[in-house]
Amino acid sequence: MLSTLIGFSAILMWSLLALLTAASGTVPPFQLAAICFAIGTLIGVAALIRDPARLDGLRQPWPVWLVGIAGLFGYHFFYFTALRNAPAVQAGLIAYLWPLLIVVGSALLPGERLGWHHVAGALMGLAGTVLILAGAGADARIIGDPLLGYGAAMLCALTWSSYSLMSRRFGTVPTDVVTGFCAASAVLAALAHLTLETTVWPGTPTEWLAVIGLGLGPVGAAFYTWDIGMKKGDIQVLGALSYSAPLLSTLVLIAFGYGEPSLSILLACVLITGGAALAAKNLIMRRKLSA
């Protein structure tokens, strides 16, 4: 139960990801990722300093490192790119299709079946995405290419769902390895920034607080708590709870003035969240029967 609650804390932190990213100013995506991953690395380093014996957890085969680094670095690069180029609410909702993709992807794994509710749920999520794109208006705070932003948001969802599904193979790998994932991702992001971007530092205290908040929470502690929840908690419950992320993220953005409430956004939330819940019907019913 405790591990499940720890895993759920990651979902709560991720509901702040869009808000903090939008509030971080115009810091380029690779630079922002490098700063946040560096802060996230410090969280794990602090734990390793307290117990140096846990350093052995960093000795893992290359497939573990490949999946971890591709998941963390790839997801956040696409996410930051999406929110730099498209309206925050619309990009955030598209990126949060990952819970639905995890459910559908899980049904395709050995020993699982793809049922009608998986297909119906996926179609509802797709309908919600189309509604978001159709109802997206101009946003004066967006200076990039909205189509690039929407594409990056979809790649973001695909990357994280793939990472979550593939990580099931490494259930015995200790959570301490997440420290290495964050460190490697910070280095890659810094190299990419120096090669491709012009450095732009946060210009106000609020923007600095947003960047630090990203590193401490959604792009830091959340990785560790999610890993604990996936490996030691109730994965079925966490899968169902993940579907609250799109709604929570959208409500937070609107509450802080980064989006306007509208009928299209409400319908999109209902379609995406409802589609994910329908796709998870078997998981939810199984929990009720076993209660």
C-alpha atoms as a PDB file:
ATOM      1  CA  MET A   1       0.000   0.000   0.000  1.00  0.00           C
ATOM      2  CA  LEU A   2       2.789   2.436   0.912  1.00  0.00           C
ATOM      3  CA  SER A   3       4.649   1.790  -2.354  1.00  0.00           C
ATOM      4  CA  THR A   4       1.435   2.401  -4.301  1.00  0.00           C
ATOM      5  CA  LEU A   5       0.944   5.733  -2.545  1.00  0.00           C
ATOM      6  CA  ILE A   6       4.567   6.634  -3.280  1.00  0.00           C
ATOM      7  CA  GLY A   7       3.948   5.855  -6.952  1.00  0.00           C
ATOM      8  CA  PHE A   8       0.805   7.999  -6.943  1.00  0.00           C
ATOM      9  CA  SER A   9       2.849  10.958  -5.705  1.00  0.00           C
ATOM     10  CA  ALA A  10       4.618  10.907  -9.088  1.00  0.00           C
ATOM     11  CA  ILE A  11       1.284  11.367 -10.855  1.00  0.00           C
ATOM     12  CA  LEU A  12       0.497  14.353  -8.636  1.00  0.00           C
ATOM     13  CA  MET A  13       3.894  15.889  -9.410  1.00  0.00           C
ATOM     14  CA  TRP A  14       3.438  15.323 -13.141  1.00  0.00           C
ATOM     15  CA  SER A  15       0.169  17.234 -13.012  1.00  0.00           C
ATOM     16  CA  LEU A  16       2.359  20.304 -12.339  1.00  0.00           C
ATOM     17  CA  LEU A  17       4.734  19.649 -15.241  1.00  0.00           C
ATOM     18  CA  ALA A  18       2.867  21.716 -17.823  1.00  0.00           C
ATOM     19  CA  LEU A  19       2.317  24.615 -15.423  1.00  0.00           C
ATOM     20  CA  LEU A  20       5.951  24.847 -14.300  1.00  0.00           C
ATOM     21  CA  THR A  21       7.243  24.441 -17.866  1.00  0.00           C
ATOM     22  CA  ALA A  22       4.968  27.213 -19.116  1.00  0.00           C
ATOM     23  CA  ALA A  23       6.047  29.423 -16.182  1.00  0.00           C
ATOM     24  CA  SER A  24       9.779  28.838 -16.769  1.00  0.00           C
ATOM     25  CA  GLY A  25      10.004  31.476 -19.485  1.00  0.00           C
ATOM     26  CA  THR A  26      11.875  31.075 -22.757  1.00  0.00           C
ATOM     27  CA  VAL A  27      14.713  28.808 -21.629  1.00  0.00           C
ATOM     28  CA  PRO A  28      15.520  26.530 -24.631  1.00  0.00           C
ATOM     29  CA  PRO A  29      14.306  22.914 -24.258  1.00  0.00           C
ATOM     30  CA  PHE A  30      17.748  21.247 -24.057  1.00  0.00           C
ATOM     31  CA  GLN A  31      19.030  23.832 -21.574  1.00  0.00           C
ATOM     32  CA  LEU A  32      15.918  23.446 -19.434  1.00  0.00           C
ATOM     33  CA  ALA A  33      16.236  19.665 -19.519  1.00  0.00           C
ATOM     34  CA  ALA A  34      19.928  19.833 -18.531  1.00  0.00           C
ATOM     35  CA  ILE A  35      19.205  22.038 -15.509  1.00  0.00           C
ATOM     36  CA  CYS A  36      16.254  19.943 -14.349  1.00  0.00           C
ATOM     37  CA  PHE A  37      18.018  16.597 -14.769  1.00  0.00           C
ATOM     38  CA  ALA A  38      21.022  17.948 -12.853  1.00  0.00           C
ATOM     39  CA  ILE A  39      18.747  18.872  -9.954  1.00  0.00           C
ATOM     40  CA  GLY A  40      17.065  15.484 -10.190  1.00  0.00           C
ATOM     41  CA  THR A  41      20.474  13.792 -10.073  1.00  0.00           C
ATOM     42  CA  LEU A  42      21.270  15.552  -6.807  1.00  0.00           C
ATOM     43  CA  ILE A  43      18.230  13.927  -5.203  1.00  0.00           C
ATOM     44  CA  GLY A  44      19.646  10.467  -5.882  1.00  0.00           C
ATOM     45  CA  VAL A  45      23.204  11.494  -5.014  1.00  0.00           C
ATOM     46  CA  ALA A  46      22.020  12.629  -1.590  1.00  0.00           C
ATOM     47  CA  ALA A  47      20.622   9.148  -0.928  1.00  0.00           C
ATOM     48  CA  LEU A  48      23.824   7.469  -2.175  1.00  0.00           C
ATOM     49  CA  ILE A  49      25.993   9.636   0.076  1.00  0.00           C
ATOM     50  CA  ARG A  50      24.009   8.453   3.072  1.00  0.00           C
ATOM     51  CA  ASP A  51      24.538   4.805   2.064  1.00  0.00           C
ATOM     52  CA  PRO A  52      27.551   4.347  -0.276  1.00  0.00           C
ATOM     53  CA  ALA A  53      26.867   0.605  -0.523  1.00  0.00           C
ATOM     54  CA  ARG A  54      23.938   1.439  -2.791  1.00  0.00           C
ATOM     55  CA  LEU A  55      26.376   2.528  -5.504  1.00  0.00           C
ATOM     56  CA  ASP A  56      26.369  -1.112  -6.628  1.00  0.00           C
ATOM     57  CA  GLY A  57      22.853  -0.460  -7.938  1.00  0.00           C
ATOM     58  CA  LEU A  58      24.368   1.618 -10.733  1.00  0.00           C
ATOM     59  CA  ARG A  59      26.099  -1.432 -12.213  1.00  0.00           C
ATOM     60  CA  GLN A  60      23.520  -2.535 -14.761  1.00  0.00           C
ATOM     61  CA  PRO A  61      23.665  -4.029 -18.292  1.00  0.00           C
ATOM     62  CA  TRP A  62      23.449  -1.668 -21.263  1.00  0.00           C
ATOM     63  CA  PRO A  63      19.766  -2.428 -22.115  1.00  0.00           C
ATOM     64  CA  VAL A  64      18.736  -1.005 -18.721  1.00  0.00           C
ATOM     65  CA  TRP A  65      20.684   2.185 -19.411  1.00  0.00           C
ATOM     66  CA  LEU A  66      19.367   2.471 -22.954  1.00  0.00           C
ATOM     67  CA  VAL A  67      15.730   2.190 -21.881  1.00  0.00           C
ATOM     68  CA  GLY A  68      16.158   4.517 -18.912  1.00  0.00           C
ATOM     69  CA  ILE A  69      18.049   7.284 -20.689  1.00  0.00           C
ATOM     70  CA  ALA A  70      15.888   7.152 -23.816  1.00  0.00           C
ATOM     71  CA  GLY A  71      12.765   7.295 -21.676  1.00  0.00           C
ATOM     72  CA  LEU A  72      13.781  10.166 -19.422  1.00  0.00           C
ATOM     73  CA  PHE A  73      15.731  12.279 -21.897  1.00  0.00           C
ATOM     74  CA  GLY A  74      13.479  11.637 -24.886  1.00  0.00           C
ATOM     75  CA  TYR A  75      10.221  12.245 -23.043  1.00  0.00           C
ATOM     76  CA  HIS A  76      11.216  15.566 -21.558  1.00  0.00           C
ATOM     77  CA  PHE A  77      12.889  16.871 -24.663  1.00  0.00           C
ATOM     78  CA  PHE A  78       9.686  16.282 -26.617  1.00  0.00           C
ATOM     79  CA  TYR A  79       7.594  17.670 -23.751  1.00  0.00           C
ATOM     80  CA  PHE A  80       9.542  20.893 -23.396  1.00  0.00           C
ATOM     81  CA  THR A  81       9.567  21.303 -27.177  1.00  0.00           C
ATOM     82  CA  ALA A  82       5.799  20.850 -27.285  1.00  0.00           C
ATOM     83  CA  LEU A  83       5.140  23.500 -24.653  1.00  0.00           C
ATOM     84  CA  ARG A  84       7.533  25.939 -26.330  1.00  0.00           C
ATOM     85  CA  ASN A  85       5.645  25.708 -29.632  1.00  0.00           C
ATOM     86  CA  ALA A  86       1.980  24.962 -28.879  1.00  0.00           C
ATOM     87  CA  PRO A  87      -0.624  26.211 -26.370  1.00  0.00           C
ATOM     88  CA  ALA A  88       0.042  24.673 -22.970  1.00  0.00           C
ATOM     89  CA  VAL A  89      -3.406  23.163 -22.377  1.00  0.00           C
ATOM     90  CA  GLN A  90      -3.665  21.509 -25.792  1.00  0.00           C
ATOM     91  CA  ALA A  91      -0.069  20.235 -25.812  1.00  0.00           C
ATOM     92  CA  GLY A  92      -0.395  18.975 -22.249  1.00  0.00           C
ATOM     93  CA  LEU A  93      -3.532  16.976 -23.002  1.00  0.00           C
ATOM     94  CA  ILE A  94      -1.970  15.337 -26.059  1.00  0.00           C
ATOM     95  CA  ALA A  95       1.174  14.464 -24.107  1.00  0.00           C
ATOM     96  CA  TYR A  96      -0.991  12.887 -21.406  1.00  0.00           C
ATOM     97  CA  LEU A  97      -2.281  10.269 -23.798  1.00  0.00           C
ATOM     98  CA  TRP A  98       0.460   8.037 -22.346  1.00  0.00           C
ATOM     99  CA  PRO A  99      -1.797   6.322 -19.752  1.00  0.00           C
ATOM    100  CA  LEU A 100      -4.121   5.253 -22.556  1.00  0.00           C
ATOM    101  CA  LEU A 101      -1.192   4.049 -24.661  1.00  0.00           C
ATOM    102  CA  ILE A 102       0.129   2.037 -21.713  1.00  0.00           C
ATOM    103  CA  VAL A 103      -3.216   0.259 -21.318  1.00  0.00           C
ATOM    104  CA  VAL A 104      -3.497  -0.543 -25.022  1.00  0.00           C
ATOM    105  CA  GLY A 105       0.168  -1.550 -25.194  1.00  0.00           C
ATOM    106  CA  SER A 106      -0.162  -3.802 -22.149  1.00  0.00           C
ATOM    107  CA  ALA A 107      -2.998  -5.672 -23.843  1.00  0.00           C
ATOM    108  CA  LEU A 108      -0.616  -6.571 -26.672  1.00  0.00           C
ATOM    109  CA  LEU A 109       1.993  -8.112 -24.370  1.00  0.00           C
ATOM    110  CA  PRO A 110       2.316 -11.917 -24.123  1.00  0.00           C
ATOM    111  CA  GLY A 111      -0.496 -13.414 -22.089  1.00  0.00           C
ATOM    112  CA  GLU A 112      -2.828 -10.443 -22.612  1.00  0.00           C
ATOM    113  CA  ARG A 113      -5.696  -9.856 -25.039  1.00  0.00           C
ATOM    114  CA  LEU A 114      -6.840  -6.786 -26.938  1.00  0.00           C
ATOM    115  CA  GLY A 115     -10.588  -6.396 -26.288  1.00  0.00           C
ATOM    116  CA  TRP A 116     -13.263  -4.157 -27.744  1.00  0.00           C
ATOM    117  CA  HIS A 117     -12.983  -1.769 -24.811  1.00  0.00           C
ATOM    118  CA  HIS A 118      -9.278  -1.232 -25.571  1.00  0.00           C
ATOM    119  CA  VAL A 119     -10.128  -0.244 -29.141  1.00  0.00           C
ATOM    120  CA  ALA A 120     -13.084   1.912 -28.067  1.00  0.00           C
ATOM    121  CA  GLY A 121     -10.976   3.623 -25.430  1.00  0.00           C
ATOM    122  CA  ALA A 122      -8.230   4.355 -27.939  1.00  0.00           C
ATOM    123  CA  LEU A 123     -10.766   5.830 -30.377  1.00  0.00           C
ATOM    124  CA  MET A 124     -12.206   8.044 -27.632  1.00  0.00           C
ATOM    125  CA  GLY A 125      -8.712   9.300 -26.833  1.00  0.00           C
ATOM    126  CA  LEU A 126      -8.110   9.969 -30.517  1.00  0.00           C
ATOM    127  CA  ALA A 127     -11.398  11.866 -30.740  1.00  0.00           C
ATOM    128  CA  GLY A 128     -10.373  13.988 -27.777  1.00  0.00           C
ATOM    129  CA  THR A 129      -7.051  14.769 -29.435  1.00  0.00           C
ATOM    130  CA  VAL A 130      -8.775  15.784 -32.675  1.00  0.00           C
ATOM    131  CA  LEU A 131     -11.118  18.019 -30.683  1.00  0.00           C
ATOM    132  CA  ILE A 132      -8.152  19.709 -29.030  1.00  0.00           C
ATOM    133  CA  LEU A 133      -6.484  20.392 -32.348  1.00  0.00           C
ATOM    134  CA  ALA A 134      -9.695  21.617 -33.962  1.00  0.00           C
ATOM    135  CA  GLY A 135     -10.486  23.970 -31.094  1.00  0.00           C
ATOM    136  CA  ALA A 136      -6.984  25.347 -30.574  1.00  0.00           C
ATOM    137  CA  GLY A 137      -6.864  29.088 -31.052  1.00  0.00           C
ATOM    138  CA  ALA A 138      -3.968  31.506 -31.354  1.00  0.00           C
ATOM    139  CA  ASP A 139      -1.967  32.125 -28.203  1.00  0.00           C
ATOM    140  CA  ALA A 140       0.133  35.285 -28.033  1.00  0.00           C
ATOM    141  CA  ARG A 141       2.592  33.584 -25.679  1.00  0.00           C
ATOM    142  CA  ILE A 142       3.486  30.929 -28.264  1.00  0.00           C
ATOM    143  CA  ILE A 143       6.305  32.010 -30.559  1.00  0.00           C
ATOM    144  CA  GLY A 144       7.031  28.714 -32.306  1.00  0.00           C
ATOM    145  CA  ASP A 145       5.282  26.370 -34.722  1.00  0.00           C
ATOM    146  CA  PRO A 146       2.074  24.873 -33.230  1.00  0.00           C
ATOM    147  CA  LEU A 147       2.201  21.859 -35.575  1.00  0.00           C
ATOM    148  CA  LEU A 148       5.728  21.113 -34.355  1.00  0.00           C
ATOM    149  CA  GLY A 149       4.457  21.414 -30.802  1.00  0.00           C
ATOM    150  CA  TYR A 150       1.564  19.011 -31.348  1.00  0.00           C
ATOM    151  CA  GLY A 151       3.846  16.496 -33.053  1.00  0.00           C
ATOM    152  CA  ALA A 152       6.334  16.699 -30.192  1.00  0.00           C
ATOM    153  CA  ALA A 153       3.507  16.191 -27.689  1.00  0.00           C
ATOM    154  CA  MET A 154       2.440  12.984 -29.442  1.00  0.00           C
ATOM    155  CA  LEU A 155       6.044  11.724 -29.534  1.00  0.00           C
ATOM    156  CA  CYS A 156       6.214  12.565 -25.855  1.00  0.00           C
ATOM    157  CA  ALA A 157       3.243  10.292 -25.117  1.00  0.00           C
ATOM    158  CA  LEU A 158       4.689   7.478 -27.245  1.00  0.00           C
ATOM    159  CA  THR A 159       8.106   7.744 -25.579  1.00  0.00           C
ATOM    160  CA  TRP A 160       6.871   7.591 -21.993  1.00  0.00           C
ATOM    161  CA  SER A 161       4.379   4.797 -22.616  1.00  0.00           C
ATOM    162  CA  SER A 162       7.107   2.754 -24.331  1.00  0.00           C
ATOM    163  CA  TYR A 163       9.529   3.408 -21.465  1.00  0.00           C
ATOM    164  CA  SER A 164       6.944   2.360 -18.867  1.00  0.00           C
ATOM    165  CA  LEU A 165       6.045  -0.833 -20.719  1.00  0.00           C
ATOM    166  CA  MET A 166       9.654  -1.842 -21.399  1.00  0.00           C
ATOM    167  CA  SER A 167      10.729  -1.132 -17.822  1.00  0.00           C
ATOM    168  CA  ARG A 168       8.598  -4.059 -16.665  1.00  0.00           C
ATOM    169  CA  ARG A 169      11.424  -6.320 -17.834  1.00  0.00           C
ATOM    170  CA  PHE A 170      13.728  -4.798 -15.245  1.00  0.00           C
ATOM    171  CA  GLY A 171      11.657  -5.263 -12.100  1.00  0.00           C
ATOM    172  CA  THR A 172      14.667  -6.358 -10.030  1.00  0.00           C
ATOM    173  CA  VAL A 173      16.766  -3.318 -10.908  1.00  0.00           C
ATOM    174  CA  PRO A 174      17.071  -1.038  -7.825  1.00  0.00           C
ATOM    175  CA  THR A 175      15.626   2.474  -7.951  1.00  0.00           C
ATOM    176  CA  ASP A 176      19.105   3.909  -7.313  1.00  0.00           C
ATOM    177  CA  VAL A 177      19.855   3.455 -11.025  1.00  0.00           C
ATOM    178  CA  VAL A 178      17.449   6.331 -11.724  1.00  0.00           C
ATOM    179  CA  THR A 179      20.225   8.588 -10.398  1.00  0.00           C
ATOM    180  CA  GLY A 180      22.404   7.432 -13.281  1.00  0.00           C
ATOM    181  CA  PHE A 181      19.563   7.924 -15.769  1.00  0.00           C
ATOM    182  CA  CYS A 182      19.175  11.530 -14.621  1.00  0.00           C
ATOM    183  CA  ALA A 183      22.933  12.207 -14.697  1.00  0.00           C
ATOM    184  CA  ALA A 184      23.379  10.777 -18.199  1.00  0.00           C
ATOM    185  CA  SER A 185      20.328  12.668 -19.443  1.00  0.00           C
ATOM    186  CA  ALA A 186      21.701  15.909 -17.955  1.00  0.00           C
ATOM    187  CA  VAL A 187      24.985  15.447 -19.824  1.00  0.00           C
ATOM    188  CA  LEU A 188      23.243  14.658 -23.119  1.00  0.00           C
ATOM    189  CA  ALA A 189      20.936  17.637 -22.749  1.00  0.00           C
ATOM    190  CA  ALA A 190      23.861  19.957 -21.945  1.00  0.00           C
ATOM    191  CA  LEU A 191      25.825  18.766 -24.992  1.00  0.00           C
ATOM    192  CA  ALA A 192      22.806  19.203 -27.237  1.00  0.00           C
ATOM    193  CA  HIS A 193      22.203  22.673 -25.822  1.00  0.00           C
ATOM    194  CA  LEU A 194      25.773  23.800 -26.422  1.00  0.00           C
ATOM    195  CA  THR A 195      25.612  22.450 -29.980  1.00  0.00           C
ATOM    196  CA  LEU A 196      22.157  23.539 -31.099  1.00  0.00           C
ATOM    197  CA  GLU A 197      20.860  26.336 -28.876  1.00  0.00           C
ATOM    198  CA  THR A 198      21.606  29.826 -27.651  1.00  0.00           C
ATOM    199  CA  THR A 199      21.725  30.070 -23.871  1.00  0.00           C
ATOM    200  CA  VAL A 200      18.794  31.920 -22.343  1.00  0.00           C
ATOM    201  CA  TRP A 201      18.610  32.070 -18.549  1.00  0.00           C
ATOM    202  CA  PRO A 202      15.364  32.595 -16.627  1.00  0.00           C
ATOM    203  CA  GLY A 203      14.747  36.317 -16.439  1.00  0.00           C
ATOM    204  CA  THR A 204      12.681  36.640 -13.269  1.00  0.00           C
ATOM    205  CA  PRO A 205      12.592  35.067  -9.784  1.00  0.00           C
ATOM    206  CA  THR A 206       9.307  33.388 -10.728  1.00  0.00           C
ATOM    207  CA  GLU A 207      10.912  31.728 -13.736  1.00  0.00           C
ATOM    208  CA  TRP A 208      13.857  30.543 -11.612  1.00  0.00           C
ATOM    209  CA  LEU A 209      11.453  29.098  -9.038  1.00  0.00           C
ATOM    210  CA  ALA A 210       9.586  27.291 -11.830  1.00  0.00           C
ATOM    211  CA  VAL A 211      12.827  25.752 -13.148  1.00  0.00           C
ATOM    212  CA  ILE A 212      13.918  24.661  -9.667  1.00  0.00           C
ATOM    213  CA  GLY A 213      10.439  23.294  -9.009  1.00  0.00           C
ATOM    214  CA  LEU A 214      10.654  21.234 -12.183  1.00  0.00           C
ATOM    215  CA  GLY A 215      13.974  19.721 -11.101  1.00  0.00           C
ATOM    216  CA  LEU A 216      12.800  18.937  -7.594  1.00  0.00           C
ATOM    217  CA  GLY A 217       9.414  17.524  -8.536  1.00  0.00           C
ATOM    218  CA  PRO A 218       8.163  16.495 -12.004  1.00  0.00           C
ATOM    219  CA  VAL A 219      11.670  16.137 -13.487  1.00  0.00           C
ATOM    220  CA  GLY A 220      13.312  14.847 -10.346  1.00  0.00           C
ATOM    221  CA  ALA A 221      11.665  13.117  -7.398  1.00  0.00           C
ATOM    222  CA  ALA A 222       8.820  11.858  -9.584  1.00  0.00           C
ATOM    223  CA  PHE A 223      11.178   9.497 -11.435  1.00  0.00           C
ATOM    224  CA  TYR A 224      12.210   7.823  -8.190  1.00  0.00           C
ATOM    225  CA  THR A 225       8.708   7.518  -6.745  1.00  0.00           C
ATOM    226  CA  TRP A 226       7.284   6.220 -10.030  1.00  0.00           C
ATOM    227  CA  ASP A 227       9.996   3.569 -10.180  1.00  0.00           C
ATOM    228  CA  ILE A 228       9.181   2.452  -6.645  1.00  0.00           C
ATOM    229  CA  GLY A 229       5.476   2.308  -7.414  1.00  0.00           C
ATOM    230  CA  MET A 230       5.942   0.362 -10.645  1.00  0.00           C
ATOM    231  CA  LYS A 231       8.241  -2.224  -9.072  1.00  0.00           C
ATOM    232  CA  LYS A 232       6.835  -2.612  -5.556  1.00  0.00           C
ATOM    233  CA  GLY A 233       3.324  -1.159  -5.601  1.00  0.00           C
ATOM    234  CA  ASP A 234       0.038  -2.215  -7.166  1.00  0.00           C
ATOM    235  CA  ILE A 235       0.630  -1.569 -10.864  1.00  0.00           C
ATOM    236  CA  GLN A 236      -3.047  -2.005 -11.717  1.00  0.00           C
ATOM    237  CA  VAL A 237      -4.120   0.687  -9.284  1.00  0.00           C
ATOM    238  CA  LEU A 238      -1.353   3.010 -10.443  1.00  0.00           C
ATOM    239  CA  GLY A 239      -2.365   2.440 -14.053  1.00  0.00           C
ATOM    240  CA  ALA A 240      -5.934   3.473 -13.282  1.00  0.00           C
ATOM    241  CA  LEU A 241      -4.829   6.473 -11.207  1.00  0.00           C
ATOM    242  CA  SER A 242      -2.616   7.679 -14.071  1.00  0.00           C
ATOM    243  CA  TYR A 243      -5.740   8.588 -16.003  1.00  0.00           C
ATOM    244  CA  SER A 244      -6.340  11.476 -13.628  1.00  0.00           C
ATOM    245  CA  ALA A 245      -3.172  13.200 -14.874  1.00  0.00           C
ATOM    246  CA  PRO A 246      -4.675  14.884 -17.990  1.00  0.00           C
ATOM    247  CA  LEU A 247      -7.596  16.318 -16.075  1.00  0.00           C
ATOM    248  CA  LEU A 248      -5.475  17.493 -13.134  1.00  0.00           C
ATOM    249  CA  SER A 249      -2.894  19.063 -15.442  1.00  0.00           C
ATOM    250  CA  THR A 250      -5.518  20.924 -17.444  1.00  0.00           C
ATOM    251  CA  LEU A 251      -7.337  22.202 -14.371  1.00  0.00           C
ATOM    252  CA  VAL A 252      -4.052  23.440 -12.869  1.00  0.00           C
ATOM    253  CA  LEU A 253      -3.129  25.269 -16.087  1.00  0.00           C
ATOM    254  CA  ILE A 254      -6.517  26.948 -16.278  1.00  0.00           C
ATOM    255  CA  ALA A 255      -6.444  27.855 -12.583  1.00  0.00           C
ATOM    256  CA  PHE A 256      -3.103  29.646 -13.017  1.00  0.00           C
ATOM    257  CA  GLY A 257      -4.110  31.502 -16.163  1.00  0.00           C
ATOM    258  CA  TYR A 258      -2.298  29.398 -18.766  1.00  0.00           C
ATOM    259  CA  GLY A 259      -5.512  28.350 -20.446  1.00  0.00           C
ATOM    260  CA  GLU A 260      -9.129  29.348 -20.775  1.00  0.00           C
ATOM    261  CA  PRO A 261     -11.999  27.076 -19.765  1.00  0.00           C
ATOM    262  CA  SER A 262     -14.105  26.110 -22.753  1.00  0.00           C
ATOM    263  CA  LEU A 263     -16.601  23.499 -23.846  1.00  0.00           C
ATOM    264  CA  SER A 264     -14.084  21.923 -26.235  1.00  0.00           C
ATOM    265  CA  ILE A 265     -11.508  21.514 -23.467  1.00  0.00           C
ATOM    266  CA  LEU A 266     -14.153  20.009 -21.168  1.00  0.00           C
ATOM    267  CA  LEU A 267     -15.272  17.549 -23.835  1.00  0.00           C
ATOM    268  CA  ALA A 268     -11.650  16.668 -24.625  1.00  0.00           C
ATOM    269  CA  CYS A 269     -11.003  15.934 -20.946  1.00  0.00           C
ATOM    270  CA  VAL A 270     -14.091  13.717 -20.797  1.00  0.00           C
ATOM    271  CA  LEU A 271     -13.170  11.837 -23.980  1.00  0.00           C
ATOM    272  CA  ILE A 272      -9.497  11.269 -23.117  1.00  0.00           C
ATOM    273  CA  THR A 273     -10.064  10.427 -19.451  1.00  0.00           C
ATOM    274  CA  GLY A 274     -13.192   8.376 -20.191  1.00  0.00           C
ATOM    275  CA  GLY A 275     -11.468   6.533 -23.008  1.00  0.00           C
ATOM    276  CA  ALA A 276      -8.566   5.641 -20.751  1.00  0.00           C
ATOM    277  CA  ALA A 277     -10.936   4.441 -18.023  1.00  0.00           C
ATOM    278  CA  LEU A 278     -12.850   2.311 -20.553  1.00  0.00           C
ATOM    279  CA  ALA A 279      -9.607   0.807 -21.822  1.00  0.00           C
ATOM    280  CA  ALA A 280      -8.768  -0.093 -18.214  1.00  0.00           C
ATOM    281  CA  LYS A 281     -12.167  -1.722 -17.608  1.00  0.00           C
ATOM    282  CA  ASN A 282     -10.725  -5.122 -16.890  1.00  0.00           C
ATOM    283  CA  LEU A 283      -8.241  -3.729 -14.387  1.00  0.00           C
ATOM    284  CA  ILE A 284     -10.914  -1.751 -12.547  1.00  0.00           C
ATOM    285  CA  MET A 285     -13.390  -4.664 -12.469  1.00  0.00           C
ATOM    286  CA  ARG A 286     -10.655  -7.027 -11.289  1.00  0.00           C
ATOM    287  CA  ARG A 287      -9.913  -4.719  -8.371  1.00  0.00           C
ATOM    288  CA  LYS A 288     -13.606  -4.571  -7.414  1.00  0.00           C
ATOM    289  CA  LEU A 289     -14.023  -8.352  -7.564  1.00  0.00           C
ATOM    290  CA  SER A 290     -10.950  -8.937  -5.430  1.00  0.00           C
ATOM    291  CA  ALA A 291     -12.035  -6.362  -2.821  1.00  0.00           C
END
